[in-house]
C-alpha atoms as a PDB file:
ATOM      1  CA  MET A   1     -73.088  16.347  70.114  1.00  0.00           C
ATOM      2  CA  GLN A   2     -70.624  13.328  69.907  1.00  0.00           C
ATOM      3  CA  GLN A   3     -70.874  11.193  72.744  1.00  0.00           C
ATOM      4  CA  ASN A   4     -67.574   9.820  74.286  1.00  0.00           C
ATOM      5  CA  TYR A   5     -67.297   6.176  75.268  1.00  0.00           C
ATOM      6  CA  THR A   6     -64.388   4.249  76.516  1.00  0.00           C
ATOM      7  CA  LYS A   7     -63.210   1.595  73.830  1.00  0.00           C
ATOM      8  CA  ALA A   8     -64.554  -1.727  74.237  1.00  0.00           C
ATOM      9  CA  ALA A   9     -62.038  -3.996  76.093  1.00  0.00           C
ATOM     10  CA  CYS A  10     -61.704  -6.739  73.401  1.00  0.00           C
ATOM     11  CA  THR A  11     -59.000  -9.287  74.162  1.00  0.00           C
ATOM     12  CA  THR A  12     -58.412  -9.916  70.464  1.00  0.00           C
ATOM     13  CA  CYS A  13     -57.836  -6.411  69.460  1.00  0.00           C
ATOM     14  CA  SER A  14     -54.520  -5.631  67.852  1.00  0.00           C
ATOM     15  CA  THR A  15     -52.152  -3.365  65.891  1.00  0.00           C
ATOM     16  CA  LYS A  16     -54.888  -3.658  63.078  1.00  0.00           C
ATOM     17  CA  GLY A  17     -56.961  -1.540  65.289  1.00  0.00           C
ATOM     18  CA  THR A  18     -59.858  -2.222  67.732  1.00  0.00           C
ATOM     19  CA  CYS A  19     -63.339  -3.536  67.251  1.00  0.00           C
ATOM     20  CA  PHE A  20     -64.607  -0.210  68.684  1.00  0.00           C
ATOM     21  CA  ASP A  21     -62.703   1.548  65.986  1.00  0.00           C
ATOM     22  CA  ARG A  22     -64.059  -0.536  63.162  1.00  0.00           C
ATOM     23  CA  LEU A  23     -67.599  -0.278  64.523  1.00  0.00           C
ATOM     24  CA  ALA A  24     -67.023   3.682  64.810  1.00  0.00           C
ATOM     25  CA  SER A  25     -65.826   3.772  61.240  1.00  0.00           C
ATOM     26  CA  VAL A  26     -68.785   2.019  59.776  1.00  0.00           C
ATOM     27  CA  LEU A  27     -71.253   4.171  61.715  1.00  0.00           C
ATOM     28  CA  ALA A  28     -69.529   7.322  60.724  1.00  0.00           C
ATOM     29  CA  SER A  29     -69.801   6.379  57.132  1.00  0.00           C
ATOM     30  CA  SER A  30     -73.562   5.502  57.359  1.00  0.00           C
ATOM     31  CA  GLY A  31     -74.472   8.443  59.637  1.00  0.00           C
ATOM     32  CA  GLY A  32     -75.057   6.193  62.528  1.00  0.00           C
ATOM     33  CA  ARG A  33     -74.547   6.950  66.276  1.00  0.00           C
ATOM     34  CA  LEU A  34     -72.363   5.057  68.749  1.00  0.00           C
ATOM     35  CA  THR A  35     -74.920   4.562  71.509  1.00  0.00           C
ATOM     36  CA  LYS A  36     -74.506   3.070  74.928  1.00  0.00           C
ATOM     37  CA  GLU A  37     -76.544   0.031  73.720  1.00  0.00           C
ATOM     38  CA  ARG A  38     -74.239  -0.367  70.729  1.00  0.00           C
ATOM     39  CA  LEU A  39     -71.201  -0.111  72.678  1.00  0.00           C
ATOM     40  CA  SER A  40     -72.783  -2.690  75.346  1.00  0.00           C
ATOM     41  CA  LEU A  41     -73.653  -5.000  72.408  1.00  0.00           C
ATOM     42  CA  LEU A  42     -70.051  -4.864  70.965  1.00  0.00           C
ATOM     43  CA  ARG A  43     -68.543  -5.658  74.377  1.00  0.00           C
ATOM     44  CA  ILE A  44     -70.863  -8.724  74.789  1.00  0.00           C
ATOM     45  CA  VAL A  45     -69.999  -9.918  71.412  1.00  0.00           C
ATOM     46  CA  CYS A  46     -66.194  -9.471  71.910  1.00  0.00           C
ATOM     47  CA  ASP A  47     -66.392 -11.118  75.244  1.00  0.00           C
ATOM     48  CA  ILE A  48     -68.298 -14.402  74.053  1.00  0.00           C
ATOM     49  CA  ASP A  49     -66.145 -17.382  73.337  1.00  0.00           C
ATOM     50  CA  GLY A  50     -67.235 -19.247  70.236  1.00  0.00           C
ATOM     51  CA  HIS A  51     -70.405 -19.303  68.415  1.00  0.00           C
ATOM     52  CA  PHE A  52     -73.501 -17.498  69.638  1.00  0.00           C
ATOM     53  CA  HIS A  53     -77.135 -16.765  68.903  1.00  0.00           C
ATOM     54  CA  PRO A  54     -78.707 -13.380  68.838  1.00  0.00           C
ATOM     55  CA  TYR A  55     -80.957 -14.655  71.684  1.00  0.00           C
ATOM     56  CA  HIS A  56     -77.991 -15.131  73.776  1.00  0.00           C
ATOM     57  CA  VAL A  57     -76.713 -11.597  73.116  1.00  0.00           C
ATOM     58  CA  LEU A  58     -80.362 -10.356  73.830  1.00  0.00           C
ATOM     59  CA  ASP A  59     -80.179 -12.116  77.132  1.00  0.00           C
ATOM     60  CA  LEU A  60     -76.970 -10.756  78.039  1.00  0.00           C
ATOM     61  CA  LEU A  61     -78.098  -7.227  77.064  1.00  0.00           C
ATOM     62  CA  ARG A  62     -81.207  -7.557  79.270  1.00  0.00           C
ATOM     63  CA  GLU A  63     -78.990  -8.845  82.260  1.00  0.00           C
ATOM     64  CA  GLN A  64     -77.122  -5.425  81.790  1.00  0.00           C
ATOM     65  CA  GLY A  65     -80.473  -3.500  82.072  1.00  0.00           C
ATOM     66  CA  TYR A  66     -80.931  -2.863  78.234  1.00  0.00           C
ATOM     67  CA  THR A  67     -84.432  -3.256  76.747  1.00  0.00           C
ATOM     68  CA  MET A  68     -83.239  -3.738  73.082  1.00  0.00           C
ATOM     69  CA  SER A  69     -85.532  -5.938  70.844  1.00  0.00           C
ATOM     70  CA  LEU A  70     -84.532  -8.867  68.893  1.00  0.00           C
ATOM     71  CA  THR A  71     -84.869  -7.012  65.721  1.00  0.00           C
ATOM     72  CA  THR A  72     -82.659  -4.323  66.889  1.00  0.00           C
ATOM     73  CA  VAL A  73     -80.017  -6.976  67.950  1.00  0.00           C
ATOM     74  CA  TYR A  74     -80.108  -8.424  64.571  1.00  0.00           C
ATOM     75  CA  ARG A  75     -79.752  -5.007  62.915  1.00  0.00           C
ATOM     76  CA  ASN A  76     -76.742  -4.229  64.977  1.00  0.00           C
ATOM     77  CA  LEU A  77     -75.244  -7.506  64.180  1.00  0.00           C
ATOM     78  CA  SER A  78     -75.402  -6.628  60.615  1.00  0.00           C
ATOM     79  CA  LEU A  79     -73.281  -3.537  61.345  1.00  0.00           C
ATOM     80  CA  LEU A  80     -70.712  -5.745  63.057  1.00  0.00           C
ATOM     81  CA  ILE A  81     -70.578  -8.023  60.022  1.00  0.00           C
ATOM     82  CA  GLN A  82     -70.132  -4.983  57.702  1.00  0.00           C
ATOM     83  CA  ALA A  83     -67.210  -3.884  60.075  1.00  0.00           C
ATOM     84  CA  GLY A  84     -65.619  -7.260  59.952  1.00  0.00           C
ATOM     85  CA  ILE A  85     -65.889  -7.954  63.598  1.00  0.00           C
ATOM     86  CA  ILE A  86     -68.227 -10.914  63.247  1.00  0.00           C
ATOM     87  CA  ARG A  87     -69.334 -13.362  60.781  1.00  0.00           C
ATOM     88  CA  ARG A  88     -72.395 -15.628  60.232  1.00  0.00           C
ATOM     89  CA  THR A  89     -71.691 -19.301  60.599  1.00  0.00           C
ATOM     90  CA  SER A  90     -73.881 -22.382  60.462  1.00  0.00           C
ATOM     91  CA  VAL A  91     -77.638 -22.967  60.724  1.00  0.00           C
ATOM     92  CA  ASN A  92     -77.331 -26.008  62.948  1.00  0.00           C
ATOM     93  CA  ASP A  93     -76.185 -26.359  66.608  1.00  0.00           C
ATOM     94  CA  GLU A  94     -76.353 -28.379  69.840  1.00  0.00           C
ATOM     95  CA  SER A  95     -78.972 -26.234  71.429  1.00  0.00           C
ATOM     96  CA  GLY A  96     -81.794 -27.124  69.059  1.00  0.00           C
ATOM     97  CA  ILE A  97     -82.689 -23.419  68.756  1.00  0.00           C
ATOM     98  CA  GLY A  98     -81.770 -23.200  64.983  1.00  0.00           C
ATOM     99  CA  GLY A  99     -81.245 -20.342  63.156  1.00  0.00           C
ATOM    100  CA  THR A 100     -78.028 -18.407  62.185  1.00  0.00           C
ATOM    101  CA  ARG A 101     -75.226 -18.354  64.637  1.00  0.00           C
ATOM    102  CA  TYR A 102     -72.257 -15.688  64.654  1.00  0.00           C
ATOM    103  CA  GLU A 103     -68.844 -15.710  65.960  1.00  0.00           C
ATOM    104  CA  HIS A 104     -66.245 -13.089  66.512  1.00  0.00           C
ATOM    105  CA  ILE A 105     -63.544 -12.968  63.882  1.00  0.00           C
ATOM    106  CA  TRP A 106     -61.735  -9.596  64.271  1.00  0.00           C
ATOM    107  CA  ASP A 107     -57.896 -10.681  64.359  1.00  0.00           C
ATOM    108  CA  HIS A 108     -58.592 -14.381  64.705  1.00  0.00           C
ATOM    109  CA  GLU A 109     -56.902 -16.802  62.571  1.00  0.00           C
ATOM    110  CA  HIS A 110     -59.088 -18.009  59.638  1.00  0.00           C
ATOM    111  CA  HIS A 111     -60.839 -21.348  60.183  1.00  0.00           C
ATOM    112  CA  ASP A 112     -63.480 -23.440  58.562  1.00  0.00           C
ATOM    113  CA  HIS A 113     -66.174 -25.722  60.165  1.00  0.00           C
ATOM    114  CA  LEU A 114     -67.392 -29.282  60.425  1.00  0.00           C
ATOM    115  CA  VAL A 115     -70.974 -29.605  61.559  1.00  0.00           C
ATOM    116  CA  CYS A 116     -72.945 -32.421  62.405  1.00  0.00           C
ATOM    117  CA  SER A 117     -76.332 -32.753  60.714  1.00  0.00           C
ATOM    118  CA  ARG A 118     -77.877 -34.447  63.833  1.00  0.00           C
ATOM    119  CA  CYS A 119     -76.589 -32.980  67.073  1.00  0.00           C
ATOM    120  CA  GLY A 120     -75.085 -29.816  65.597  1.00  0.00           C
ATOM    121  CA  ARG A 121     -71.662 -30.375  67.069  1.00  0.00           C
ATOM    122  CA  THR A 122     -69.362 -27.932  65.392  1.00  0.00           C
ATOM    123  CA  ILE A 123     -65.551 -28.529  65.105  1.00  0.00           C
ATOM    124  CA  GLU A 124     -63.579 -25.626  63.765  1.00  0.00           C
ATOM    125  CA  PHE A 125     -60.334 -26.652  61.606  1.00  0.00           C
ATOM    126  CA  SER A 126     -57.698 -25.101  59.336  1.00  0.00           C
ATOM    127  CA  TYR A 127     -56.279 -27.079  56.386  1.00  0.00           C
ATOM    128  CA  PRO A 128     -53.843 -25.239  54.303  1.00  0.00           C
ATOM    129  CA  ALA A 129     -54.487 -27.459  51.179  1.00  0.00           C
ATOM    130  CA  ILE A 130     -58.197 -26.325  51.231  1.00  0.00           C
ATOM    131  CA  GLU A 131     -56.967 -22.605  51.037  1.00  0.00           C
ATOM    132  CA  VAL A 132     -54.661 -23.354  48.190  1.00  0.00           C
ATOM    133  CA  LEU A 133     -57.320 -24.984  46.256  1.00  0.00           C
ATOM    134  CA  GLN A 134     -59.867 -22.364  46.975  1.00  0.00           C
ATOM    135  CA  GLU A 135     -57.279 -19.810  45.535  1.00  0.00           C
ATOM    136  CA  ALA A 136     -56.739 -22.039  42.403  1.00  0.00           C
ATOM    137  CA  VAL A 137     -60.599 -22.482  41.784  1.00  0.00           C
ATOM    138  CA  ALA A 138     -61.018 -18.662  41.986  1.00  0.00           C
ATOM    139  CA  LYS A 139     -57.996 -17.907  39.760  1.00  0.00           C
ATOM    140  CA  GLU A 140     -59.217 -20.256  37.195  1.00  0.00           C
ATOM    141  CA  HIS A 141     -62.625 -18.479  36.917  1.00  0.00           C
ATOM    142  CA  GLY A 142     -61.180 -15.171  37.208  1.00  0.00           C
ATOM    143  CA  PHE A 143     -62.010 -14.377  40.616  1.00  0.00           C
ATOM    144  CA  THR A 144     -60.196 -12.431  43.374  1.00  0.00           C
ATOM    145  CA  LEU A 145     -61.207 -13.981  46.750  1.00  0.00           C
ATOM    146  CA  GLU A 146     -62.217 -11.356  49.322  1.00  0.00           C
ATOM    147  CA  SER A 147     -63.614 -13.846  51.830  1.00  0.00           C
ATOM    148  CA  HIS A 148     -65.095 -17.251  52.185  1.00  0.00           C
ATOM    149  CA  HIS A 149     -66.697 -19.484  54.705  1.00  0.00           C
ATOM    150  CA  LEU A 150     -66.581 -23.239  54.241  1.00  0.00           C
ATOM    151  CA  GLU A 151     -68.821 -25.546  56.219  1.00  0.00           C
ATOM    152  CA  LEU A 152     -68.689 -29.276  55.739  1.00  0.00           C
ATOM    153  CA  THR A 153     -71.869 -31.121  56.954  1.00  0.00           C
ATOM    154  CA  GLY A 154     -71.807 -34.655  58.013  1.00  0.00           C
ATOM    155  CA  THR A 155     -72.404 -37.078  60.962  1.00  0.00           C
ATOM    156  CA  CYS A 156     -70.076 -37.051  63.976  1.00  0.00           C
ATOM    157  CA  SER A 157     -68.659 -40.063  65.487  1.00  0.00           C
ATOM    158  CA  ALA A 158     -70.806 -39.833  68.534  1.00  0.00           C
ATOM    159  CA  CYS A 159     -73.977 -39.685  66.499  1.00  0.00           C
ATOM    160  CA  ARG A 160     -72.627 -42.776  64.493  1.00  0.00           C
ATOM    161  CA  SER A 161     -71.788 -44.684  67.723  1.00  0.00           C
ATOM    162  CA  LYS A 162     -75.454 -44.030  69.099  1.00  0.00           C
ATOM    163  CA  ASP A 163     -76.725 -45.379  65.637  1.00  0.00           C
ATOM    164  CA  SER A 164     -74.682 -48.591  65.862  1.00  0.00           C
ATOM    165  CA  ALA A 165     -75.467 -48.996  69.471  1.00  0.00           C
ATOM    166  CA  GLY A 166     -79.273 -48.660  68.738  1.00  0.00           C
ATOM    167  CA  GLY A 167     -79.062 -51.110  65.893  1.00  0.00           C
ATOM    168  CA  ASP A 168     -77.466 -53.889  67.845  1.00  0.00           C
ATOM    169  CA  ALA A 169     -80.154 -53.706  70.497  1.00  0.00           C
END
Protein backbone atom coordinates (compact mmCIF):
# COMPACT_ATOMS: atom_id res chain seq x y z
CA MET A 1 0.00 0.00 0.00
CA GLN A 2 1.44 3.37 -1.04
CA GLN A 3 1.86 5.80 1.82
CA ASN A 4 0.83 9.42 1.36
CA TYR A 5 3.09 12.12 2.72
CA THR A 6 2.95 15.86 2.47
CA LYS A 7 5.61 17.18 0.16
CA ALA A 8 8.71 18.46 1.89
CA ALA A 9 8.60 22.23 2.21
CA CYS A 10 11.89 23.05 0.53
CA THR A 11 12.37 26.78 0.03
CA THR A 12 14.46 26.16 -3.08
CA CYS A 13 11.94 24.03 -4.97
CA SER A 14 10.77 25.66 -8.18
CA THR A 15 9.05 25.11 -11.48
CA LYS A 16 11.62 22.37 -12.21
CA GLY A 17 9.79 20.30 -9.61
CA THR A 18 10.35 19.69 -5.96
CA CYS A 19 13.03 17.77 -4.13
CA PHE A 20 10.22 15.50 -2.94
CA ASP A 21 9.24 14.73 -6.56
CA ARG A 22 12.87 14.02 -7.49
CA LEU A 23 13.36 11.62 -4.57
CA ALA A 24 10.01 9.91 -5.21
CA SER A 25 11.01 9.39 -8.85
CA VAL A 26 14.38 7.82 -7.95
CA LEU A 27 12.76 5.56 -5.37
CA ALA A 28 10.05 4.48 -7.82
CA SER A 29 12.62 3.56 -10.46
CA SER A 30 14.62 1.48 -7.97
CA GLY A 31 11.68 -0.13 -6.19
CA GLY A 32 12.33 1.83 -2.99
CA ARG A 33 9.73 3.22 -0.62
CA LEU A 34 9.25 6.76 0.59
CA THR A 35 9.25 6.16 4.34
CA LYS A 36 8.69 8.67 7.15
CA GLU A 37 12.40 8.46 7.92
CA ARG A 38 13.42 9.26 4.33
CA LEU A 39 10.97 12.14 4.19
CA SER A 40 12.31 13.50 7.48
CA LEU A 41 15.89 13.19 6.21
CA LEU A 42 14.91 15.04 3.02
CA ARG A 43 13.31 17.87 5.00
CA ILE A 44 16.39 18.17 7.21
CA VAL A 45 18.75 18.27 4.24
CA CYS A 46 16.61 20.88 2.48
CA ASP A 47 16.56 23.08 5.58
CA ILE A 48 20.31 23.04 6.20
CA ASP A 49 21.96 26.19 4.95
CA GLY A 50 25.42 25.49 3.59
CA HIS A 51 27.60 22.41 3.82
CA PHE A 52 26.85 19.59 6.21
CA HIS A 53 28.20 16.30 7.54
CA PRO A 54 26.16 13.10 7.75
CA TYR A 55 26.79 13.28 11.53
CA HIS A 56 24.88 16.57 11.61
CA VAL A 57 21.94 15.01 9.75
CA LEU A 58 22.00 12.04 12.13
CA ASP A 59 21.89 14.35 15.16
CA LEU A 60 18.92 16.26 13.71
CA LEU A 61 17.10 12.98 12.93
CA ARG A 62 17.66 11.79 16.50
CA GLU A 63 16.29 15.10 17.82
CA GLN A 64 13.10 14.29 15.90
CA GLY A 65 12.90 10.83 17.46
CA TYR A 66 14.29 8.72 14.61
CA THR A 67 16.81 5.99 15.40
CA MET A 68 18.45 5.79 12.00
CA SER A 69 22.06 4.51 11.88
CA LEU A 70 24.89 6.46 10.30
CA THR A 71 25.13 3.79 7.59
CA THR A 72 21.48 4.35 6.71
CA VAL A 73 22.03 8.11 6.58
CA TYR A 74 24.92 7.60 4.11
CA ARG A 75 22.82 5.21 2.01
CA ASN A 76 19.98 7.74 1.83
CA LEU A 77 22.33 10.62 1.06
CA SER A 78 23.46 8.55 -1.95
CA LEU A 79 19.83 8.45 -3.11
CA LEU A 80 19.63 12.24 -2.78
CA ILE A 81 22.80 12.56 -4.86
CA GLN A 82 21.31 10.26 -7.49
CA ALA A 83 18.19 12.45 -7.52
CA GLY A 84 20.31 15.59 -8.06
CA ILE A 85 19.18 17.13 -4.77
CA ILE A 86 22.59 17.24 -3.07
CA ARG A 87 26.22 16.74 -4.01
CA ARG A 88 29.40 15.73 -2.22
CA THR A 89 31.81 18.54 -1.51
CA SER A 90 35.22 18.85 0.10
CA VAL A 91 36.95 16.61 2.58
CA ASN A 92 38.28 19.47 4.76
CA ASP A 93 36.37 21.80 7.04
CA GLU A 94 36.60 24.00 10.10
CA SER A 95 35.03 21.46 12.48
CA GLY A 96 37.97 19.09 12.42
CA ILE A 97 35.58 16.15 11.86
CA GLY A 98 36.96 15.48 8.39
CA GLY A 99 35.28 13.26 5.86
CA THR A 100 32.90 14.15 3.09
CA ARG A 101 30.53 17.06 3.39
CA TYR A 102 27.43 17.59 1.31
CA GLU A 103 25.38 20.54 0.11
CA HIS A 104 21.87 21.05 -1.22
CA ILE A 105 22.07 21.93 -4.93
CA TRP A 106 18.57 21.46 -6.33
CA ASP A 107 17.72 24.67 -8.20
CA HIS A 108 20.72 26.51 -6.73
CA GLU A 109 23.07 28.46 -8.96
CA HIS A 110 26.22 26.52 -9.79
CA HIS A 111 29.30 27.48 -7.77
CA ASP A 112 32.76 26.17 -7.02
CA HIS A 113 34.84 26.19 -3.83
CA LEU A 114 38.05 27.59 -2.40
CA VAL A 115 39.12 25.49 0.61
CA CYS A 116 41.83 26.34 3.12
CA SER A 117 44.03 23.30 3.69
CA ARG A 118 44.80 24.40 7.25
CA CYS A 119 41.54 25.55 8.84
CA GLY A 120 39.05 24.15 6.34
CA ARG A 121 37.42 27.51 5.64
CA THR A 122 35.34 27.22 2.48
CA ILE A 123 34.44 30.06 0.15
CA GLU A 124 31.86 29.55 -2.58
CA PHE A 125 32.49 31.41 -5.82
CA SER A 126 31.34 31.65 -9.42
CA TYR A 127 33.65 32.75 -12.18
CA PRO A 128 32.24 32.64 -15.73
CA ALA A 129 35.66 32.36 -17.40
CA ILE A 130 36.28 29.06 -15.60
CA GLU A 131 32.99 27.69 -16.95
CA VAL A 132 33.99 28.69 -20.51
CA LEU A 133 37.42 27.08 -20.13
CA GLN A 134 35.95 23.82 -18.79
CA GLU A 135 33.61 23.62 -21.78
CA ALA A 136 36.52 24.27 -24.15
CA VAL A 137 38.65 21.54 -22.53
CA ALA A 138 35.78 19.07 -22.67
CA LYS A 139 35.08 19.88 -26.32
CA GLU A 140 38.78 19.53 -27.21
CA HIS A 141 38.74 16.01 -25.79
CA GLY A 142 35.37 15.01 -27.25
CA PHE A 143 33.43 15.20 -23.99
CA THR A 144 29.97 16.54 -23.30
CA LEU A 145 29.95 17.79 -19.73
CA GLU A 146 27.16 16.51 -17.52
CA SER A 147 28.38 18.01 -14.27
CA HIS A 148 31.51 19.10 -12.50
CA HIS A 149 32.79 20.18 -9.13
CA LEU A 150 35.81 22.43 -8.89
CA GLU A 151 37.57 22.75 -5.57
CA LEU A 152 40.70 24.84 -5.25
CA THR A 153 42.80 24.14 -2.16
CA GLY A 154 45.21 26.63 -0.64
CA THR A 155 45.88 28.71 2.46
CA CYS A 156 43.45 31.46 3.46
CA SER A 157 44.58 34.95 4.45
CA ALA A 158 43.76 34.36 8.14
CA CYS A 159 46.05 31.31 8.32
CA ARG A 160 48.80 33.14 6.46
CA SER A 161 48.45 36.05 8.91
CA LYS A 162 48.79 33.66 11.86
CA ASP A 163 51.98 32.26 10.28
CA SER A 164 53.53 35.69 9.80
CA ALA A 165 52.50 36.84 13.30
CA GLY A 166 54.00 33.68 14.82
CA GLY A 167 57.18 34.06 12.79
CA ASP A 168 57.80 37.59 14.06
CA ALA A 169 57.60 36.63 17.71
